[in-house]
Amino acid sequence: TGDYHSEKLPHFAPGLTGRPEEQLRAPLETLVAGIAGLCGLPDGCVFLVPETPMPELAIRPDFAVMRRRGKADELVGFIEIKAPGKGADPRRFTDQHDKRQWEKLKALPNLIYTDGNEFSVWHDGEVQADEGKSGIVRLSGDLHVNRRGKRTPYRGDRRPKGTPLIRVVHRAPGASG
């Protein structure tokens, strides 16, 4: 998972015309596979299915998270990606499209919101958080700031190849913080 932002940054390049959140898709797949590996799951056991339509709710989450069990695949949950800097707390969104989307997505039993810097987990519209915590996890570093502290939206910095700009902090089970 330490390669998550290393893979992500090259996708943010000047002159790209795609939506910023679209550039997070491939790195997010790498992150999910890395987390599955840290949990001891075999390669390919957890995978993402993009743009999964849910006609009954009139929504299409960015990813369905699937787990392979033998010859069957089971749905684990969903991931919704927002543009970097938008945050991972849908209760704070001001854009009408995002608000309407949240009203539908909050019906899902297991949902992750992310903007690449922040992540949150929601069960049936309720954020999952330790008591006294916000439930929003922020990775150290920032997609928009290089190692010299200068804002560089959608551009990588000139760090040595293979050196992640942002690292995921791993906590021992039961650790607070």
C-alpha atoms as a PDB file:
ATOM      1  CA  THR A   1       0.000   0.000   0.000  1.00  0.00           C
ATOM      2  CA  GLY A   2       2.988   2.311   0.319  1.00  0.00           C
ATOM      3  CA  ASP A   3       2.968   2.563  -3.491  1.00  0.00           C
ATOM      4  CA  TYR A   4      -0.580   3.945  -3.581  1.00  0.00           C
ATOM      5  CA  HIS A   5       0.354   7.596  -4.017  1.00  0.00           C
ATOM      6  CA  SER A   6       3.478   6.772  -6.003  1.00  0.00           C
ATOM      7  CA  GLU A   7       1.264   5.163  -8.616  1.00  0.00           C
ATOM      8  CA  LYS A   8      -1.367   7.862  -8.333  1.00  0.00           C
ATOM      9  CA  LEU A   9       0.789  10.921  -8.915  1.00  0.00           C
ATOM     10  CA  PRO A  10       1.971  10.097 -12.438  1.00  0.00           C
ATOM     11  CA  HIS A  11      -1.691   9.983 -13.473  1.00  0.00           C
ATOM     12  CA  PHE A  12      -2.039  13.647 -12.465  1.00  0.00           C
ATOM     13  CA  ALA A  13      -0.342  15.362 -15.360  1.00  0.00           C
ATOM     14  CA  PRO A  14      -0.713  18.806 -16.897  1.00  0.00           C
ATOM     15  CA  GLY A  15      -2.976  18.933 -19.918  1.00  0.00           C
ATOM     16  CA  LEU A  16      -5.168  15.972 -18.952  1.00  0.00           C
ATOM     17  CA  THR A  17      -8.791  16.656 -19.688  1.00  0.00           C
ATOM     18  CA  GLY A  18     -10.431  13.843 -17.705  1.00  0.00           C
ATOM     19  CA  ARG A  19     -12.156  14.418 -14.401  1.00  0.00           C
ATOM     20  CA  PRO A  20      -9.666  14.369 -11.499  1.00  0.00           C
ATOM     21  CA  GLU A  21     -11.488  11.536  -9.701  1.00  0.00           C
ATOM     22  CA  GLU A  22     -11.124   9.336 -12.786  1.00  0.00           C
ATOM     23  CA  GLN A  23      -7.372   9.515 -12.336  1.00  0.00           C
ATOM     24  CA  LEU A  24      -7.698   7.798  -8.943  1.00  0.00           C
ATOM     25  CA  ARG A  25      -9.234   4.584 -10.298  1.00  0.00           C
ATOM     26  CA  ALA A  26      -6.095   2.572 -11.153  1.00  0.00           C
ATOM     27  CA  PRO A  27      -4.200   3.599  -8.006  1.00  0.00           C
ATOM     28  CA  LEU A  28      -7.249   2.750  -5.896  1.00  0.00           C
ATOM     29  CA  GLU A  29      -7.315  -0.746  -7.416  1.00  0.00           C
ATOM     30  CA  THR A  30      -3.642  -1.084  -6.412  1.00  0.00           C
ATOM     31  CA  LEU A  31      -4.415   0.127  -2.882  1.00  0.00           C
ATOM     32  CA  VAL A  32      -7.300  -2.323  -2.417  1.00  0.00           C
ATOM     33  CA  ALA A  33      -5.174  -5.224  -3.680  1.00  0.00           C
ATOM     34  CA  GLY A  34      -2.367  -4.160  -1.317  1.00  0.00           C
ATOM     35  CA  ILE A  35      -4.687  -3.990   1.684  1.00  0.00           C
ATOM     36  CA  ALA A  36      -6.103  -7.424   0.815  1.00  0.00           C
ATOM     37  CA  GLY A  37      -2.526  -8.756   0.735  1.00  0.00           C
ATOM     38  CA  LEU A  38      -1.793  -7.192   4.154  1.00  0.00           C
ATOM     39  CA  CYS A  39      -4.859  -9.020   5.459  1.00  0.00           C
ATOM     40  CA  GLY A  40      -3.391 -12.293   4.233  1.00  0.00           C
ATOM     41  CA  LEU A  41      -5.817 -12.783   1.352  1.00  0.00           C
ATOM     42  CA  PRO A  42      -4.482 -14.400  -1.826  1.00  0.00           C
ATOM     43  CA  ASP A  43      -3.744 -12.316  -4.927  1.00  0.00           C
ATOM     44  CA  GLY A  44      -6.885 -11.592  -6.911  1.00  0.00           C
ATOM     45  CA  CYS A  45      -9.188 -12.594  -4.058  1.00  0.00           C
ATOM     46  CA  VAL A  46     -10.480  -9.035  -3.637  1.00  0.00           C
ATOM     47  CA  PHE A  47     -11.199  -7.059  -6.789  1.00  0.00           C
ATOM     48  CA  LEU A  48     -13.128  -4.011  -7.951  1.00  0.00           C
ATOM     49  CA  VAL A  49     -15.882  -3.884 -10.563  1.00  0.00           C
ATOM     50  CA  PRO A  50     -16.206  -0.348 -12.017  1.00  0.00           C
ATOM     51  CA  GLU A  51     -19.417   1.614 -12.532  1.00  0.00           C
ATOM     52  CA  THR A  52     -21.832  -0.894 -11.070  1.00  0.00           C
ATOM     53  CA  PRO A  53     -25.398   0.163 -11.913  1.00  0.00           C
ATOM     54  CA  MET A  54     -28.022  -0.136  -9.189  1.00  0.00           C
ATOM     55  CA  PRO A  55     -31.301   0.644 -10.976  1.00  0.00           C
ATOM     56  CA  GLU A  56     -33.412   0.134  -7.845  1.00  0.00           C
ATOM     57  CA  LEU A  57     -31.638   3.155  -6.255  1.00  0.00           C
ATOM     58  CA  ALA A  58     -30.957   4.991  -9.528  1.00  0.00           C
ATOM     59  CA  ILE A  59     -27.232   5.175  -8.715  1.00  0.00           C
ATOM     60  CA  ARG A  60     -23.973   3.835 -10.069  1.00  0.00           C
ATOM     61  CA  PRO A  61     -21.182   3.701  -7.453  1.00  0.00           C
ATOM     62  CA  ASP A  62     -17.680   4.033  -8.887  1.00  0.00           C
ATOM     63  CA  PHE A  63     -16.743   0.524  -7.743  1.00  0.00           C
ATOM     64  CA  ALA A  64     -18.315  -2.588  -6.306  1.00  0.00           C
ATOM     65  CA  VAL A  65     -15.854  -4.414  -4.039  1.00  0.00           C
ATOM     66  CA  MET A  66     -15.973  -8.158  -4.624  1.00  0.00           C
ATOM     67  CA  ARG A  67     -14.367 -11.111  -2.864  1.00  0.00           C
ATOM     68  CA  ARG A  68     -13.726 -14.377  -4.617  1.00  0.00           C
ATOM     69  CA  ARG A  69     -14.590 -17.437  -2.519  1.00  0.00           C
ATOM     70  CA  GLY A  70     -13.848 -20.614  -4.387  1.00  0.00           C
ATOM     71  CA  LYS A  71     -15.770 -20.459  -7.652  1.00  0.00           C
ATOM     72  CA  ALA A  72     -18.209 -17.805  -6.432  1.00  0.00           C
ATOM     73  CA  ASP A  73     -17.836 -14.055  -6.077  1.00  0.00           C
ATOM     74  CA  GLU A  74     -19.568 -12.163  -3.294  1.00  0.00           C
ATOM     75  CA  LEU A  75     -20.294  -8.474  -2.954  1.00  0.00           C
ATOM     76  CA  VAL A  76     -18.458  -6.869  -0.038  1.00  0.00           C
ATOM     77  CA  GLY A  77     -19.399  -3.213  -0.513  1.00  0.00           C
ATOM     78  CA  PHE A  78     -18.948  -0.139  -2.678  1.00  0.00           C
ATOM     79  CA  ILE A  79     -16.484   2.711  -3.196  1.00  0.00           C
ATOM     80  CA  GLU A  80     -17.386   6.230  -4.288  1.00  0.00           C
ATOM     81  CA  ILE A  81     -14.526   8.435  -5.518  1.00  0.00           C
ATOM     82  CA  LYS A  82     -14.600  12.218  -5.321  1.00  0.00           C
ATOM     83  CA  ALA A  83     -12.182  14.735  -6.809  1.00  0.00           C
ATOM     84  CA  PRO A  84      -9.021  15.308  -4.744  1.00  0.00           C
ATOM     85  CA  GLY A  85      -9.656  17.965  -2.122  1.00  0.00           C
ATOM     86  CA  LYS A  86     -13.416  17.385  -1.948  1.00  0.00           C
ATOM     87  CA  GLY A  87     -13.065  15.272   1.178  1.00  0.00           C
ATOM     88  CA  ALA A  88     -14.619  11.992   2.282  1.00  0.00           C
ATOM     89  CA  ASP A  89     -17.463  13.312   4.430  1.00  0.00           C
ATOM     90  CA  PRO A  90     -20.595  13.494   2.270  1.00  0.00           C
ATOM     91  CA  ARG A  91     -22.447  15.383   5.022  1.00  0.00           C
ATOM     92  CA  ARG A  92     -20.220  18.380   4.202  1.00  0.00           C
ATOM     93  CA  PHE A  93     -20.713  18.399   0.443  1.00  0.00           C
ATOM     94  CA  THR A  94     -22.190  21.637  -0.899  1.00  0.00           C
ATOM     95  CA  ASP A  95     -22.615  20.679  -4.557  1.00  0.00           C
ATOM     96  CA  GLN A  96     -26.239  19.729  -5.293  1.00  0.00           C
ATOM     97  CA  HIS A  97     -25.228  16.729  -7.425  1.00  0.00           C
ATOM     98  CA  ASP A  98     -23.102  15.347  -4.576  1.00  0.00           C
ATOM     99  CA  LYS A  99     -25.878  15.939  -2.043  1.00  0.00           C
ATOM    100  CA  ARG A 100     -28.470  14.128  -4.195  1.00  0.00           C
ATOM    101  CA  GLN A 101     -26.016  11.301  -4.822  1.00  0.00           C
ATOM    102  CA  TRP A 102     -25.349  10.934  -1.075  1.00  0.00           C
ATOM    103  CA  GLU A 103     -29.095  10.713  -0.375  1.00  0.00           C
ATOM    104  CA  LYS A 104     -29.136   7.600  -2.576  1.00  0.00           C
ATOM    105  CA  LEU A 105     -25.745   6.114  -1.638  1.00  0.00           C
ATOM    106  CA  LYS A 106     -26.439   6.244   2.088  1.00  0.00           C
ATOM    107  CA  ALA A 107     -28.896   3.371   1.611  1.00  0.00           C
ATOM    108  CA  LEU A 108     -25.951   1.046   0.907  1.00  0.00           C
ATOM    109  CA  PRO A 109     -24.913  -1.255   3.768  1.00  0.00           C
ATOM    110  CA  ASN A 110     -21.143  -0.872   3.208  1.00  0.00           C
ATOM    111  CA  LEU A 111     -19.673   2.152   1.423  1.00  0.00           C
ATOM    112  CA  ILE A 112     -16.248   3.789   1.307  1.00  0.00           C
ATOM    113  CA  TYR A 113     -15.968   7.440   0.281  1.00  0.00           C
ATOM    114  CA  THR A 114     -12.565   8.743  -0.815  1.00  0.00           C
ATOM    115  CA  ASP A 115     -10.972  11.716  -2.521  1.00  0.00           C
ATOM    116  CA  GLY A 116      -7.552  10.060  -2.601  1.00  0.00           C
ATOM    117  CA  ASN A 117      -6.389  11.872   0.539  1.00  0.00           C
ATOM    118  CA  GLU A 118      -9.298  11.055   2.849  1.00  0.00           C
ATOM    119  CA  PHE A 119     -11.269   7.856   3.383  1.00  0.00           C
ATOM    120  CA  SER A 120     -14.433   7.086   5.341  1.00  0.00           C
ATOM    121  CA  VAL A 121     -16.566   3.970   5.837  1.00  0.00           C
ATOM    122  CA  TRP A 122     -20.363   4.181   5.981  1.00  0.00           C
ATOM    123  CA  HIS A 123     -22.899   1.510   6.975  1.00  0.00           C
ATOM    124  CA  ASP A 124     -26.481   2.395   6.050  1.00  0.00           C
ATOM    125  CA  GLY A 125     -25.700   6.127   6.101  1.00  0.00           C
ATOM    126  CA  GLU A 126     -23.810   6.094   9.408  1.00  0.00           C
ATOM    127  CA  VAL A 127     -20.093   6.853   9.504  1.00  0.00           C
ATOM    128  CA  GLN A 128     -18.063   4.147  11.223  1.00  0.00           C
ATOM    129  CA  ALA A 129     -15.872   5.789  13.828  1.00  0.00           C
ATOM    130  CA  ASP A 130     -14.345   5.142  17.193  1.00  0.00           C
ATOM    131  CA  GLU A 131     -16.036   7.068  19.996  1.00  0.00           C
ATOM    132  CA  GLY A 132     -14.955  10.697  19.922  1.00  0.00           C
ATOM    133  CA  LYS A 133     -13.445  10.380  16.425  1.00  0.00           C
ATOM    134  CA  SER A 134     -14.745  11.773  13.138  1.00  0.00           C
ATOM    135  CA  GLY A 135     -14.429   8.535  11.174  1.00  0.00           C
ATOM    136  CA  ILE A 136     -12.527  10.362   8.440  1.00  0.00           C
ATOM    137  CA  VAL A 137      -9.039   8.929   7.908  1.00  0.00           C
ATOM    138  CA  ARG A 138      -6.537  11.196   6.196  1.00  0.00           C
ATOM    139  CA  LEU A 139      -3.334   9.875   4.693  1.00  0.00           C
ATOM    140  CA  SER A 140      -0.189  11.753   5.628  1.00  0.00           C
ATOM    141  CA  GLY A 141       0.856  14.207   2.936  1.00  0.00           C
ATOM    142  CA  ASP A 142      -1.250  15.820   0.232  1.00  0.00           C
ATOM    143  CA  LEU A 143      -1.804  15.102  -3.437  1.00  0.00           C
ATOM    144  CA  HIS A 144      -1.503  18.804  -4.175  1.00  0.00           C
ATOM    145  CA  VAL A 145       1.718  19.559  -2.279  1.00  0.00           C
ATOM    146  CA  ASN A 146       5.202  18.422  -3.278  1.00  0.00           C
ATOM    147  CA  ARG A 147       8.019  17.570  -0.853  1.00  0.00           C
ATOM    148  CA  ARG A 148       9.154  21.208  -0.873  1.00  0.00           C
ATOM    149  CA  GLY A 149       5.732  22.326   0.365  1.00  0.00           C
ATOM    150  CA  LYS A 150       4.696  23.967  -2.909  1.00  0.00           C
ATOM    151  CA  ARG A 151       1.186  23.444  -4.286  1.00  0.00           C
ATOM    152  CA  THR A 152       1.341  21.413  -7.485  1.00  0.00           C
ATOM    153  CA  PRO A 153      -2.176  20.385  -8.456  1.00  0.00           C
ATOM    154  CA  TYR A 154      -2.290  17.183 -10.481  1.00  0.00           C
ATOM    155  CA  ARG A 155       1.482  17.018 -10.950  1.00  0.00           C
ATOM    156  CA  GLY A 156       4.029  14.713  -9.412  1.00  0.00           C
ATOM    157  CA  ASP A 157       7.126  16.105  -7.753  1.00  0.00           C
ATOM    158  CA  ARG A 158      10.712  15.227  -8.613  1.00  0.00           C
ATOM    159  CA  ARG A 159      11.291  12.587  -5.976  1.00  0.00           C
ATOM    160  CA  PRO A 160      13.448   9.503  -6.542  1.00  0.00           C
ATOM    161  CA  LYS A 161      11.599   6.797  -8.462  1.00  0.00           C
ATOM    162  CA  GLY A 162       9.832   4.364  -6.173  1.00  0.00           C
ATOM    163  CA  THR A 163       9.680   6.784  -3.230  1.00  0.00           C
ATOM    164  CA  PRO A 164       6.055   7.274  -2.199  1.00  0.00           C
ATOM    165  CA  LEU A 165       4.991  10.863  -1.576  1.00  0.00           C
ATOM    166  CA  ILE A 166       2.309   9.733   0.848  1.00  0.00           C
ATOM    167  CA  ARG A 167       2.466   6.699   3.079  1.00  0.00           C
ATOM    168  CA  VAL A 168      -0.395   4.823   4.694  1.00  0.00           C
ATOM    169  CA  VAL A 169       0.082   4.600   8.438  1.00  0.00           C
ATOM    170  CA  HIS A 170      -0.642   1.141   9.804  1.00  0.00           C
ATOM    171  CA  ARG A 171      -1.998   0.828  13.327  1.00  0.00           C
ATOM    172  CA  ALA A 172      -1.830  -2.231  15.512  1.00  0.00           C
ATOM    173  CA  PRO A 173      -5.244  -3.750  16.345  1.00  0.00           C
ATOM    174  CA  GLY A 174      -6.806  -1.867  19.230  1.00  0.00           C
ATOM    175  CA  ALA A 175      -4.449   1.107  18.905  1.00  0.00           C
ATOM    176  CA  SER A 176      -6.073   4.505  19.275  1.00  0.00           C
ATOM    177  CA  GLY A 177      -5.495   7.615  17.211  1.00  0.00           C
END
